[in-house]
Amino acid sequence: MVGRIRRCPSDGSYTLNFFCPHCGNQTRTAHPARYSPQDRYGKYRRRIRYG
């Protein structure tokens, strides 16, 4: 188990496990990525994501 809470994308339940106990799908972290004002690659990520 990990100390950070995770969320199942299919049914929306929260857990600490890497796999959802309800449906068995892989969970994702529920927290956004850490922000840094000195982000060197932010403009490239935004270009890929938003076009």
PDB file of N, CA and C in Angstrom:
ATOM      1  N   MET A   1       0.829  -1.191   0.000  1.00  0.00           N
ATOM      2  CA  MET A   1       0.000   0.000   0.000  1.00  0.00           C
ATOM      3  C   MET A   1       0.868   1.249   0.000  1.00  0.00           C
ATOM      4  N   VAL A   2       0.339   2.296  -0.534  1.00  0.00           N
ATOM      5  CA  VAL A   2       1.040   3.569  -0.635  1.00  0.00           C
ATOM      6  C   VAL A   2       0.321   4.579   0.248  1.00  0.00           C
ATOM      7  N   GLY A   3       1.022   5.594   0.694  1.00  0.00           N
ATOM      8  CA  GLY A   3       0.440   6.584   1.578  1.00  0.00           C
ATOM      9  C   GLY A   3      -0.442   7.612   0.892  1.00  0.00           C
ATOM     10  N   ARG A   4      -0.445   7.663  -0.433  1.00  0.00           N
ATOM     11  CA  ARG A   4      -1.247   8.663  -1.141  1.00  0.00           C
ATOM     12  C   ARG A   4      -2.529   8.022  -1.640  1.00  0.00           C
ATOM     13  N   ILE A   5      -3.600   8.770  -1.545  1.00  0.00           N
ATOM     14  CA  ILE A   5      -4.905   8.256  -1.953  1.00  0.00           C
ATOM     15  C   ILE A   5      -4.970   8.168  -3.477  1.00  0.00           C
ATOM     16  N   ARG A   6      -5.642   7.152  -3.977  1.00  0.00           N
ATOM     17  CA  ARG A   6      -5.769   6.906  -5.402  1.00  0.00           C
ATOM     18  C   ARG A   6      -7.245   6.810  -5.755  1.00  0.00           C
ATOM     19  N   ARG A   7      -7.564   7.039  -7.030  1.00  0.00           N
ATOM     20  CA  ARG A   7      -8.961   7.058  -7.481  1.00  0.00           C
ATOM     21  C   ARG A   7      -9.117   6.138  -8.685  1.00  0.00           C
ATOM     22  N   CYS A   8     -10.199   5.391  -8.711  1.00  0.00           N
ATOM     23  CA  CYS A   8     -10.514   4.514  -9.835  1.00  0.00           C
ATOM     24  C   CYS A   8     -11.195   5.352 -10.918  1.00  0.00           C
ATOM     25  N   PRO A   9     -10.683   5.356 -12.162  1.00  0.00           N
ATOM     26  CA  PRO A   9     -11.288   6.172 -13.216  1.00  0.00           C
ATOM     27  C   PRO A   9     -12.635   5.636 -13.705  1.00  0.00           C
ATOM     28  N   SER A  10     -12.900   4.349 -13.513  1.00  0.00           N
ATOM     29  CA  SER A  10     -14.145   3.788 -14.042  1.00  0.00           C
ATOM     30  C   SER A  10     -15.334   3.986 -13.106  1.00  0.00           C
ATOM     31  N   ASP A  11     -15.162   3.731 -11.821  1.00  0.00           N
ATOM     32  CA  ASP A  11     -16.313   3.880 -10.926  1.00  0.00           C
ATOM     33  C   ASP A  11     -16.188   5.039  -9.943  1.00  0.00           C
ATOM     34  N   GLY A  12     -15.032   5.728  -9.916  1.00  0.00           N
ATOM     35  CA  GLY A  12     -14.882   6.932  -9.102  1.00  0.00           C
ATOM     36  C   GLY A  12     -14.642   6.692  -7.624  1.00  0.00           C
ATOM     37  N   SER A  13     -14.370   5.462  -7.222  1.00  0.00           N
ATOM     38  CA  SER A  13     -14.136   5.198  -5.810  1.00  0.00           C
ATOM     39  C   SER A  13     -12.683   5.509  -5.445  1.00  0.00           C
ATOM     40  N   TYR A  14     -12.447   5.827  -4.199  1.00  0.00           N
ATOM     41  CA  TYR A  14     -11.123   6.166  -3.696  1.00  0.00           C
ATOM     42  C   TYR A  14     -10.583   5.010  -2.876  1.00  0.00           C
ATOM     43  N   THR A  15      -9.270   4.769  -2.981  1.00  0.00           N
ATOM     44  CA  THR A  15      -8.622   3.682  -2.267  1.00  0.00           C
ATOM     45  C   THR A  15      -7.143   4.007  -2.115  1.00  0.00           C
ATOM     46  N   LEU A  16      -6.426   3.222  -1.341  1.00  0.00           N
ATOM     47  CA  LEU A  16      -4.979   3.352  -1.226  1.00  0.00           C
ATOM     48  C   LEU A  16      -4.253   2.300  -2.061  1.00  0.00           C
ATOM     49  N   ASN A  17      -4.991   1.401  -2.680  1.00  0.00           N
ATOM     50  CA  ASN A  17      -4.413   0.305  -3.455  1.00  0.00           C
ATOM     51  C   ASN A  17      -4.161   0.719  -4.899  1.00  0.00           C
ATOM     52  N   PHE A  18      -3.300  -0.035  -5.585  1.00  0.00           N
ATOM     53  CA  PHE A  18      -3.015   0.220  -6.986  1.00  0.00           C
ATOM     54  C   PHE A  18      -4.125  -0.302  -7.893  1.00  0.00           C
ATOM     55  N   PHE A  19      -4.954  -1.205  -7.380  1.00  0.00           N
ATOM     56  CA  PHE A  19      -6.081  -1.745  -8.132  1.00  0.00           C
ATOM     57  C   PHE A  19      -7.364  -1.553  -7.330  1.00  0.00           C
ATOM     58  N   CYS A  20      -8.449  -1.215  -8.011  1.00  0.00           N
ATOM     59  CA  CYS A  20      -9.727  -0.943  -7.362  1.00  0.00           C
ATOM     60  C   CYS A  20     -10.276  -2.216  -6.733  1.00  0.00           C
ATOM     61  N   PRO A  21     -10.688  -2.182  -5.460  1.00  0.00           N
ATOM     62  CA  PRO A  21     -11.237  -3.367  -4.825  1.00  0.00           C
ATOM     63  C   PRO A  21     -12.631  -3.730  -5.336  1.00  0.00           C
ATOM     64  N   HIS A  22     -13.319  -2.795  -5.997  1.00  0.00           N
ATOM     65  CA  HIS A  22     -14.673  -3.048  -6.481  1.00  0.00           C
ATOM     66  C   HIS A  22     -14.682  -3.653  -7.879  1.00  0.00           C
ATOM     67  N   CYS A  23     -13.918  -3.041  -8.802  1.00  0.00           N
ATOM     68  CA  CYS A  23     -13.980  -3.490 -10.196  1.00  0.00           C
ATOM     69  C   CYS A  23     -12.675  -4.116 -10.678  1.00  0.00           C
ATOM     70  N   GLY A  24     -11.570  -3.938  -9.970  1.00  0.00           N
ATOM     71  CA  GLY A  24     -10.305  -4.550 -10.347  1.00  0.00           C
ATOM     72  C   GLY A  24      -9.477  -3.751 -11.337  1.00  0.00           C
ATOM     73  N   ASN A  25      -9.941  -2.581 -11.772  1.00  0.00           N
ATOM     74  CA  ASN A  25      -9.177  -1.749 -12.699  1.00  0.00           C
ATOM     75  C   ASN A  25      -8.034  -1.056 -11.973  1.00  0.00           C
ATOM     76  N   GLN A  26      -7.044  -0.628 -12.742  1.00  0.00           N
ATOM     77  CA  GLN A  26      -5.910   0.082 -12.167  1.00  0.00           C
ATOM     78  C   GLN A  26      -6.333   1.488 -11.770  1.00  0.00           C
ATOM     79  N   THR A  27      -5.882   1.949 -10.597  1.00  0.00           N
ATOM     80  CA  THR A  27      -6.245   3.274 -10.098  1.00  0.00           C
ATOM     81  C   THR A  27      -5.183   4.293 -10.491  1.00  0.00           C
ATOM     82  N   ARG A  28      -5.546   5.568 -10.416  1.00  0.00           N
ATOM     83  CA  ARG A  28      -4.633   6.682 -10.679  1.00  0.00           C
ATOM     84  C   ARG A  28      -4.530   7.527  -9.426  1.00  0.00           C
ATOM     85  N   THR A  29      -3.484   8.317  -9.353  1.00  0.00           N
ATOM     86  CA  THR A  29      -3.352   9.203  -8.209  1.00  0.00           C
ATOM     87  C   THR A  29      -4.462  10.260  -8.265  1.00  0.00           C
ATOM     88  N   ALA A  30      -4.959  10.647  -7.116  1.00  0.00           N
ATOM     89  CA  ALA A  30      -6.051  11.617  -7.052  1.00  0.00           C
ATOM     90  C   ALA A  30      -5.531  13.041  -6.954  1.00  0.00           C
ATOM     91  N   HIS A  31      -4.213  13.203  -6.872  1.00  0.00           N
ATOM     92  CA  HIS A  31      -3.613  14.516  -6.698  1.00  0.00           C
ATOM     93  C   HIS A  31      -3.059  15.030  -8.019  1.00  0.00           C
ATOM     94  N   PRO A  32      -3.125  16.336  -8.262  1.00  0.00           N
ATOM     95  CA  PRO A  32      -2.527  16.878  -9.494  1.00  0.00           C
ATOM     96  C   PRO A  32      -1.004  16.868  -9.399  1.00  0.00           C
ATOM     97  N   ALA A  33      -0.358  17.018 -10.530  1.00  0.00           N
ATOM     98  CA  ALA A  33       1.103  17.073 -10.553  1.00  0.00           C
ATOM     99  C   ALA A  33       1.584  18.327  -9.818  1.00  0.00           C
ATOM    100  N   ARG A  34       2.749  18.243  -9.249  1.00  0.00           N
ATOM    101  CA  ARG A  34       3.315  19.362  -8.515  1.00  0.00           C
ATOM    102  C   ARG A  34       3.641  20.503  -9.478  1.00  0.00           C
ATOM    103  N   TYR A  35       3.340  21.729  -9.067  1.00  0.00           N
ATOM    104  CA  TYR A  35       3.577  22.908  -9.906  1.00  0.00           C
ATOM    105  C   TYR A  35       4.904  23.551  -9.539  1.00  0.00           C
ATOM    106  N   SER A  36       5.634  23.955 -10.549  1.00  0.00           N
ATOM    107  CA  SER A  36       6.874  24.674 -10.333  1.00  0.00           C
ATOM    108  C   SER A  36       6.936  25.852 -11.306  1.00  0.00           C
ATOM    109  N   PRO A  37       7.218  27.072 -10.840  1.00  0.00           N
ATOM    110  CA  PRO A  37       7.321  28.201 -11.758  1.00  0.00           C
ATOM    111  C   PRO A  37       8.520  28.076 -12.700  1.00  0.00           C
ATOM    112  N   GLN A  38       9.520  27.278 -12.339  1.00  0.00           N
ATOM    113  CA  GLN A  38      10.685  27.072 -13.184  1.00  0.00           C
ATOM    114  C   GLN A  38      10.523  25.836 -14.073  1.00  0.00           C
ATOM    115  N   ASP A  39       9.311  25.484 -14.431  1.00  0.00           N
ATOM    116  CA  ASP A  39       9.036  24.304 -15.245  1.00  0.00           C
ATOM    117  C   ASP A  39       9.569  24.512 -16.657  1.00  0.00           C
ATOM    118  N   ARG A  40      10.634  23.783 -17.003  1.00  0.00           N
ATOM    119  CA  ARG A  40      11.269  23.963 -18.306  1.00  0.00           C
ATOM    120  C   ARG A  40      10.460  23.377 -19.450  1.00  0.00           C
ATOM    121  N   TYR A  41       9.674  22.362 -19.182  1.00  0.00           N
ATOM    122  CA  TYR A  41       8.978  21.643 -20.244  1.00  0.00           C
ATOM    123  C   TYR A  41       7.474  21.889 -20.249  1.00  0.00           C
ATOM    124  N   GLY A  42       7.000  22.842 -19.476  1.00  0.00           N
ATOM    125  CA  GLY A  42       5.576  23.130 -19.386  1.00  0.00           C
ATOM    126  C   GLY A  42       4.966  23.570 -20.701  1.00  0.00           C
ATOM    127  N   LYS A  43       5.680  24.389 -21.462  1.00  0.00           N
ATOM    128  CA  LYS A  43       5.116  24.857 -22.728  1.00  0.00           C
ATOM    129  C   LYS A  43       4.946  23.718 -23.722  1.00  0.00           C
ATOM    130  N   TYR A  44       5.817  22.721 -23.664  1.00  0.00           N
ATOM    131  CA  TYR A  44       5.682  21.572 -24.565  1.00  0.00           C
ATOM    132  C   TYR A  44       4.495  20.691 -24.171  1.00  0.00           C
ATOM    133  N   ARG A  45       4.309  20.490 -22.854  1.00  0.00           N
ATOM    134  CA  ARG A  45       3.157  19.700 -22.387  1.00  0.00           C
ATOM    135  C   ARG A  45       1.841  20.390 -22.740  1.00  0.00           C
ATOM    136  N   ARG A  46       1.808  21.709 -22.563  1.00  0.00           N
ATOM    137  CA  ARG A  46       0.593  22.441 -22.913  1.00  0.00           C
ATOM    138  C   ARG A  46       0.329  22.412 -24.405  1.00  0.00           C
ATOM    139  N   ARG A  47       1.368  22.466 -25.212  1.00  0.00           N
ATOM    140  CA  ARG A  47       1.214  22.405 -26.663  1.00  0.00           C
ATOM    141  C   ARG A  47       0.655  21.049 -27.100  1.00  0.00           C
ATOM    142  N   ILE A  48       1.126  19.989 -26.498  1.00  0.00           N
ATOM    143  CA  ILE A  48       0.623  18.643 -26.829  1.00  0.00           C
ATOM    144  C   ILE A  48      -0.813  18.485 -26.364  1.00  0.00           C
ATOM    145  N   ARG A  49      -1.093  18.951 -25.175  1.00  0.00           N
ATOM    146  CA  ARG A  49      -2.431  18.743 -24.604  1.00  0.00           C
ATOM    147  C   ARG A  49      -3.503  19.622 -25.252  1.00  0.00           C
ATOM    148  N   TYR A  50      -3.193  20.892 -25.490  1.00  0.00           N
ATOM    149  CA  TYR A  50      -4.202  21.822 -25.967  1.00  0.00           C
ATOM    150  C   TYR A  50      -4.081  22.173 -27.443  1.00  0.00           C
ATOM    151  N   GLY A  51      -3.065  21.676 -28.082  1.00  0.00           N
ATOM    152  CA  GLY A  51      -2.942  21.849 -29.526  1.00  0.00           C
ATOM    153  C   GLY A  51      -2.287  23.071 -29.996  1.00  0.00           C
TER     154      GLY A  51
END
